[in-house]
Amino acid sequence: MQKYRFLDHIGEVEFNAYGKDEKEAIENAFCAIRDTMFKKTRIKPNKKIVIKQNGYDKNDTIWKFLEKIIEIIYTKRIFPIKLKIRELRDNYIEGLLFYVEDVSYQIDEIKAISPSNLFIKKKNNRYILHVIADV
């Protein structure tokens, strides 16, 4: 299964992330964000951080969670490698972000995730997470 697909959008990055369940769709959205911001390379992570996020519904929680990942990338100056969602409820996400402390691979910036067009839905036995990111 394809992890994500970029869509045409002028001035921003728009994509659909796919998964067999909602957790995998969120993990694949992380891959699209990472692949937009960093050169693809094979580096093994040597550190990890737990990320917890609450929200008022599932879309709000996912938006805040992806925003928190971007904030961590910039404030801790890390190269994120992998995300594993450990828990997902309508108003709570907990994930484990694996990374290395090296930003020399960064090629582009994502300033923010747009909350207005973010949604997750089930279609044809897979989940689709639609995201627009400001660059």
C-alpha atoms as a PDB file:
ATOM      1  CA  MET A   1       0.000   0.000   0.000  1.00  0.00           C
ATOM      2  CA  GLN A   2       1.194   3.486  -0.861  1.00  0.00           C
ATOM      3  CA  LYS A   3       2.080   5.443   2.314  1.00  0.00           C
ATOM      4  CA  TYR A   4       1.101   8.883   1.001  1.00  0.00           C
ATOM      5  CA  ARG A   5       0.480  10.863  -2.154  1.00  0.00           C
ATOM      6  CA  PHE A   6       1.238  14.528  -2.722  1.00  0.00           C
ATOM      7  CA  LEU A   7      -1.515  16.588  -4.342  1.00  0.00           C
ATOM      8  CA  ASP A   8      -1.215  19.764  -6.405  1.00  0.00           C
ATOM      9  CA  HIS A   9      -1.484  22.867  -4.240  1.00  0.00           C
ATOM     10  CA  ILE A  10       0.000  26.258  -5.011  1.00  0.00           C
ATOM     11  CA  GLY A  11       2.265  27.622  -2.274  1.00  0.00           C
ATOM     12  CA  GLU A  12       1.634  24.827   0.209  1.00  0.00           C
ATOM     13  CA  VAL A  13       2.161  21.088   0.586  1.00  0.00           C
ATOM     14  CA  GLU A  14      -1.009  19.013   0.336  1.00  0.00           C
ATOM     15  CA  PHE A  15      -1.127  15.246   0.680  1.00  0.00           C
ATOM     16  CA  ASN A  16      -3.219  12.230   1.554  1.00  0.00           C
ATOM     17  CA  ALA A  17      -1.672   9.692   3.917  1.00  0.00           C
ATOM     18  CA  TYR A  18      -3.032   6.146   3.859  1.00  0.00           C
ATOM     19  CA  GLY A  19      -3.213   3.318   6.354  1.00  0.00           C
ATOM     20  CA  LYS A  20      -4.928   0.061   7.168  1.00  0.00           C
ATOM     21  CA  ASP A  21      -6.044   1.822  10.359  1.00  0.00           C
ATOM     22  CA  GLU A  22      -6.009   5.370  11.714  1.00  0.00           C
ATOM     23  CA  LYS A  23      -2.705   4.855  13.538  1.00  0.00           C
ATOM     24  CA  GLU A  24      -0.916   3.849  10.342  1.00  0.00           C
ATOM     25  CA  ALA A  25      -2.438   6.804   8.439  1.00  0.00           C
ATOM     26  CA  ILE A  26      -1.015   9.197  11.082  1.00  0.00           C
ATOM     27  CA  GLU A  27       2.380   7.475  10.962  1.00  0.00           C
ATOM     28  CA  ASN A  28       2.377   7.820   7.170  1.00  0.00           C
ATOM     29  CA  ALA A  29       1.410  11.509   7.416  1.00  0.00           C
ATOM     30  CA  PHE A  30       4.527  11.904   9.553  1.00  0.00           C
ATOM     31  CA  CYS A  31       6.523  10.241   6.730  1.00  0.00           C
ATOM     32  CA  ALA A  32       5.164  12.778   4.221  1.00  0.00           C
ATOM     33  CA  ILE A  33       6.100  15.662   6.540  1.00  0.00           C
ATOM     34  CA  ARG A  34       9.559  14.213   7.177  1.00  0.00           C
ATOM     35  CA  ASP A  35      10.165  13.567   3.472  1.00  0.00           C
ATOM     36  CA  THR A  36       9.141  17.147   2.656  1.00  0.00           C
ATOM     37  CA  MET A  37      11.500  18.644   5.223  1.00  0.00           C
ATOM     38  CA  PHE A  38      14.534  16.338   4.984  1.00  0.00           C
ATOM     39  CA  LYS A  39      16.690  14.550   2.426  1.00  0.00           C
ATOM     40  CA  LYS A  40      15.889  10.875   2.276  1.00  0.00           C
ATOM     41  CA  THR A  41      18.689   8.936   3.876  1.00  0.00           C
ATOM     42  CA  ARG A  42      19.205   5.736   5.788  1.00  0.00           C
ATOM     43  CA  ILE A  43      20.090   6.691   9.338  1.00  0.00           C
ATOM     44  CA  LYS A  44      19.285   4.626  12.378  1.00  0.00           C
ATOM     45  CA  PRO A  45      17.708   6.609  15.196  1.00  0.00           C
ATOM     46  CA  ASN A  46      19.611   6.747  18.459  1.00  0.00           C
ATOM     47  CA  LYS A  47      17.083   8.647  20.591  1.00  0.00           C
ATOM     48  CA  LYS A  48      13.346   8.695  21.199  1.00  0.00           C
ATOM     49  CA  ILE A  49      10.779  10.942  22.799  1.00  0.00           C
ATOM     50  CA  VAL A  50       7.189  10.289  23.883  1.00  0.00           C
ATOM     51  CA  ILE A  51       4.681  12.753  22.458  1.00  0.00           C
ATOM     52  CA  LYS A  52       1.258  13.089  24.076  1.00  0.00           C
ATOM     53  CA  GLN A  53      -1.526  15.306  22.811  1.00  0.00           C
ATOM     54  CA  ASN A  54      -5.129  16.013  23.788  1.00  0.00           C
ATOM     55  CA  GLY A  55      -7.800  17.646  21.647  1.00  0.00           C
ATOM     56  CA  TYR A  56     -11.528  18.175  21.586  1.00  0.00           C
ATOM     57  CA  ASP A  57     -12.173  15.657  18.755  1.00  0.00           C
ATOM     58  CA  LYS A  58     -10.157  13.325  16.533  1.00  0.00           C
ATOM     59  CA  ASN A  59      -9.324  15.871  13.795  1.00  0.00           C
ATOM     60  CA  ASP A  60      -8.301  18.522  16.324  1.00  0.00           C
ATOM     61  CA  THR A  61      -6.158  15.999  18.200  1.00  0.00           C
ATOM     62  CA  ILE A  62      -4.395  14.832  15.024  1.00  0.00           C
ATOM     63  CA  TRP A  63      -3.775  18.452  13.961  1.00  0.00           C
ATOM     64  CA  LYS A  64      -2.306  19.385  17.361  1.00  0.00           C
ATOM     65  CA  PHE A  65      -0.207  16.201  17.391  1.00  0.00           C
ATOM     66  CA  LEU A  66       1.335  16.896  13.952  1.00  0.00           C
ATOM     67  CA  GLU A  67       1.936  20.523  14.977  1.00  0.00           C
ATOM     68  CA  LYS A  68       3.708  19.317  18.120  1.00  0.00           C
ATOM     69  CA  ILE A  69       6.011  17.129  16.017  1.00  0.00           C
ATOM     70  CA  ILE A  70       6.982  20.131  13.874  1.00  0.00           C
ATOM     71  CA  GLU A  71       7.575  22.205  17.032  1.00  0.00           C
ATOM     72  CA  ILE A  72       9.838  19.481  18.464  1.00  0.00           C
ATOM     73  CA  ILE A  73      11.819  19.288  15.207  1.00  0.00           C
ATOM     74  CA  TYR A  74      12.582  23.014  15.377  1.00  0.00           C
ATOM     75  CA  THR A  75      13.044  23.485  19.109  1.00  0.00           C
ATOM     76  CA  LYS A  76      15.166  20.391  19.713  1.00  0.00           C
ATOM     77  CA  ARG A  77      16.922  20.657  16.293  1.00  0.00           C
ATOM     78  CA  ILE A  78      16.433  17.003  15.438  1.00  0.00           C
ATOM     79  CA  PHE A  79      16.178  14.800  12.366  1.00  0.00           C
ATOM     80  CA  PRO A  80      13.045  12.662  12.887  1.00  0.00           C
ATOM     81  CA  ILE A  81      13.316   9.123  11.567  1.00  0.00           C
ATOM     82  CA  LYS A  82      10.204   7.191  12.570  1.00  0.00           C
ATOM     83  CA  LEU A  83       6.926   7.615  14.420  1.00  0.00           C
ATOM     84  CA  LYS A  84       5.035   4.843  16.195  1.00  0.00           C
ATOM     85  CA  ILE A  85       1.533   5.602  17.470  1.00  0.00           C
ATOM     86  CA  ARG A  86       1.053   3.807  20.777  1.00  0.00           C
ATOM     87  CA  GLU A  87      -2.439   4.998  21.685  1.00  0.00           C
ATOM     88  CA  LEU A  88      -5.223   6.712  19.748  1.00  0.00           C
ATOM     89  CA  ARG A  89      -8.618   7.842  20.994  1.00  0.00           C
ATOM     90  CA  ASP A  90     -10.975  10.551  19.769  1.00  0.00           C
ATOM     91  CA  ASN A  91      -9.367  13.172  22.017  1.00  0.00           C
ATOM     92  CA  TYR A  92      -5.900  11.718  22.769  1.00  0.00           C
ATOM     93  CA  ILE A  93      -2.830  10.529  20.861  1.00  0.00           C
ATOM     94  CA  GLU A  94       0.377   9.133  22.256  1.00  0.00           C
ATOM     95  CA  GLY A  95       3.292   8.370  19.984  1.00  0.00           C
ATOM     96  CA  LEU A  96       6.969   7.547  20.128  1.00  0.00           C
ATOM     97  CA  LEU A  97       9.211   9.672  17.880  1.00  0.00           C
ATOM     98  CA  PHE A  98      12.592   8.168  16.992  1.00  0.00           C
ATOM     99  CA  TYR A  99      15.294  10.631  15.920  1.00  0.00           C
ATOM    100  CA  VAL A 100      18.919  11.724  15.745  1.00  0.00           C
ATOM    101  CA  GLU A 101      20.230  15.106  16.883  1.00  0.00           C
ATOM    102  CA  ASP A 102      21.258  16.358  13.458  1.00  0.00           C
ATOM    103  CA  VAL A 103      19.494  18.931  11.283  1.00  0.00           C
ATOM    104  CA  SER A 104      22.118  19.022   8.528  1.00  0.00           C
ATOM    105  CA  TYR A 105      19.772  16.960   6.361  1.00  0.00           C
ATOM    106  CA  GLN A 106      17.002  19.587   6.356  1.00  0.00           C
ATOM    107  CA  ILE A 107      16.069  20.867   2.892  1.00  0.00           C
ATOM    108  CA  ASP A 108      12.727  22.614   3.343  1.00  0.00           C
ATOM    109  CA  GLU A 109      10.568  24.116   6.061  1.00  0.00           C
ATOM    110  CA  ILE A 110       7.040  23.359   7.086  1.00  0.00           C
ATOM    111  CA  LYS A 111       5.761  26.269   9.134  1.00  0.00           C
ATOM    112  CA  ALA A 112       2.441  24.813  10.245  1.00  0.00           C
ATOM    113  CA  ILE A 113      -0.298  22.293   9.581  1.00  0.00           C
ATOM    114  CA  SER A 114      -3.592  23.804   8.454  1.00  0.00           C
ATOM    115  CA  PRO A 115      -6.407  22.740  10.790  1.00  0.00           C
ATOM    116  CA  SER A 116      -9.218  23.812   8.471  1.00  0.00           C
ATOM    117  CA  ASN A 117      -8.817  21.102   5.837  1.00  0.00           C
ATOM    118  CA  LEU A 118      -7.482  18.251   7.962  1.00  0.00           C
ATOM    119  CA  PHE A 119      -9.708  15.190   8.116  1.00  0.00           C
ATOM    120  CA  ILE A 120      -9.484  11.425   8.426  1.00  0.00           C
ATOM    121  CA  LYS A 121     -11.995   9.036   6.882  1.00  0.00           C
ATOM    122  CA  LYS A 122     -12.373   5.397   5.949  1.00  0.00           C
ATOM    123  CA  LYS A 123     -12.785   4.611   2.255  1.00  0.00           C
ATOM    124  CA  ASN A 124     -12.524   1.245   0.499  1.00  0.00           C
ATOM    125  CA  ASN A 125     -11.106  -0.604   3.526  1.00  0.00           C
ATOM    126  CA  ARG A 126      -8.326   1.923   4.199  1.00  0.00           C
ATOM    127  CA  TYR A 127      -8.041   5.193   6.072  1.00  0.00           C
ATOM    128  CA  ILE A 128      -7.174   8.475   4.378  1.00  0.00           C
ATOM    129  CA  LEU A 129      -5.735  11.396   6.335  1.00  0.00           C
ATOM    130  CA  HIS A 130      -5.858  14.639   4.330  1.00  0.00           C
ATOM    131  CA  VAL A 131      -3.324  17.316   5.318  1.00  0.00           C
ATOM    132  CA  ILE A 132      -2.279  20.754   4.051  1.00  0.00           C
ATOM    133  CA  ALA A 133       0.976  22.180   5.401  1.00  0.00           C
ATOM    134  CA  ASP A 134       2.150  25.788   5.152  1.00  0.00           C
ATOM    135  CA  VAL A 135       5.672  26.068   3.760  1.00  0.00           C
END
